[in-house]
Protein backbone atom coordinates (compact mmCIF):
# COMPACT_ATOMS: atom_id res chain seq x y z
CA MET A 1 0.00 0.00 0.00
CA ILE A 2 1.36 3.38 -1.01
CA GLU A 3 1.34 5.78 1.93
CA ASN A 4 3.15 8.89 0.73
CA GLU A 5 4.28 10.83 -2.33
CA ARG A 6 7.76 9.29 -2.38
CA GLN A 7 6.36 5.75 -2.47
CA TYR A 8 3.98 6.91 -5.21
CA ARG A 9 6.88 8.16 -7.36
CA VAL A 10 8.86 4.95 -6.80
CA THR A 11 5.85 2.81 -7.71
CA ARG A 12 5.14 4.94 -10.80
CA ALA A 13 8.76 4.46 -11.94
CA ALA A 14 8.48 0.70 -11.37
CA GLU A 15 5.31 0.65 -13.48
CA VAL A 16 7.17 2.34 -16.34
CA ARG A 17 10.08 -0.13 -16.06
CA PHE A 18 7.74 -3.14 -16.07
CA THR A 19 5.83 -1.78 -19.07
CA LEU A 20 9.05 -1.24 -21.02
CA ALA A 21 10.35 -4.67 -20.08
CA LEU A 22 7.13 -6.36 -21.19
CA ASP A 23 7.14 -4.48 -24.49
CA ALA A 24 10.77 -5.45 -25.08
CA ALA A 25 10.10 -9.10 -24.22
CA ALA A 26 7.15 -9.24 -26.60
CA GLY A 27 9.22 -7.83 -29.44
CA ARG A 28 12.15 -10.21 -29.31
CA ALA A 29 12.47 -13.86 -30.24
CA ALA A 30 12.85 -16.47 -27.53
CA PRO A 31 16.34 -17.94 -27.10
CA PRO A 32 16.48 -21.49 -28.45
CA ASP A 33 17.82 -22.95 -25.19
CA ILE A 34 14.87 -21.71 -23.07
CA HIS A 35 11.53 -23.50 -23.19
CA PRO A 36 8.69 -21.28 -24.49
CA ARG A 37 6.53 -22.09 -21.44
CA LEU A 38 9.20 -20.69 -19.16
CA ILE A 39 9.24 -17.43 -21.09
CA GLU A 40 5.45 -17.31 -21.06
CA ALA A 41 5.42 -17.88 -17.29
CA GLN A 42 7.94 -15.11 -16.80
CA GLN A 43 5.87 -12.69 -18.86
CA ASP A 44 2.70 -13.69 -16.99
CA ALA A 45 4.45 -12.98 -13.70
CA MET A 46 5.54 -9.58 -14.95
CA ARG A 47 1.98 -8.79 -16.12
CA SER A 48 0.64 -9.81 -12.72
CA GLN A 49 3.14 -7.59 -10.93
CA LEU A 50 2.30 -4.72 -13.27
CA ASP A 51 -1.41 -5.17 -12.52
CA ASP A 52 -0.65 -5.05 -8.77
CA LEU A 53 1.39 -1.87 -9.18
CA ARG A 54 -1.38 -0.23 -11.21
CA ALA A 55 -3.97 -1.17 -8.59
CA GLU A 56 -1.85 0.38 -5.84
CA LEU A 57 -1.38 3.53 -7.92
CA ARG A 58 -5.15 3.78 -8.55
CA ASP A 59 -5.89 3.35 -4.83
CA TYR A 60 -3.41 6.05 -3.86
CA GLU A 61 -4.66 8.44 -6.54
CA ARG A 62 -8.25 7.87 -5.40
CA SER A 63 -7.32 8.56 -1.78
CA ALA A 64 -5.27 11.62 -2.75
CA GLN A 65 -8.33 13.07 -4.50
CA GLY A 66 -10.29 12.99 -1.26
CA GLY A 67 -11.46 9.42 -1.21
CA THR A 68 -11.34 7.14 1.78
CA ARG A 69 -7.93 6.81 3.33
CA LEU A 70 -7.16 4.26 6.00
CA PRO A 71 -5.36 5.58 9.06
CA ALA A 72 -1.82 4.40 9.64
CA VAL A 73 -1.62 1.81 12.40
CA GLN A 74 1.16 2.24 14.91
CA TRP A 75 2.77 -0.70 16.68
CA THR A 76 1.64 0.78 19.96
CA ASP A 77 -1.99 0.60 18.78
CA ARG A 78 -1.90 -3.16 18.22
CA PRO A 79 -3.32 -5.47 20.87
CA ARG A 80 -0.81 -7.49 22.80
CA SER A 81 -0.92 -11.28 22.63
CA LYS A 82 -0.83 -13.51 25.69
CA ALA A 83 2.63 -14.70 24.70
CA HIS A 84 3.92 -11.14 24.48
CA ARG A 85 2.42 -10.24 27.84
CA SER A 86 3.94 -13.32 29.48
CA CYS A 87 7.39 -12.54 28.09
CA ARG A 88 7.13 -8.95 29.16
CA ALA A 89 6.01 -9.86 32.67
CA ARG A 90 8.45 -12.80 32.77
CA SER A 91 5.63 -15.13 33.69
CA SER A 92 5.19 -18.66 32.48
CA GLU A 93 2.57 -20.09 30.17
CA LYS A 94 0.95 -21.66 33.20
CA ASP A 95 0.66 -18.29 34.95
CA VAL A 96 -0.87 -16.64 31.92
CA GLY A 97 -3.20 -19.58 31.24
CA GLY A 98 -4.41 -19.54 34.81
CA ALA A 99 -5.04 -15.82 34.73
CA THR A 100 -7.25 -16.16 31.66
CA ALA A 101 -8.85 -19.50 32.63
CA ASN A 102 -7.21 -21.34 29.72
CA ARG A 103 -5.61 -24.73 30.06
CA THR A 104 -1.92 -25.05 29.29
CA GLN A 105 -0.33 -27.71 27.12
CA ALA A 106 1.10 -30.79 28.82
């Protein structure tokens, strides 16, 4: 997901490079030592990546024009897991399991 103008410019440049590479690949003959299916798979992968880049660019452009923009999530906003809490408090799995009424593994 593109979050700022710099990432937008980088993604736009990548889109141009992928487009040029696909055009160049379509215009040249396949080397005789490479199976045609392999070349086709490579071009399909490049087309798929190009489609992903274009979708990200469209989403960013839509949000930049005043559309819906998702707020950035900070690590401090994320809920803490039981494992994280137990490590932080230096308690065991048994202590954490007992505190939440869950059974521990044998």
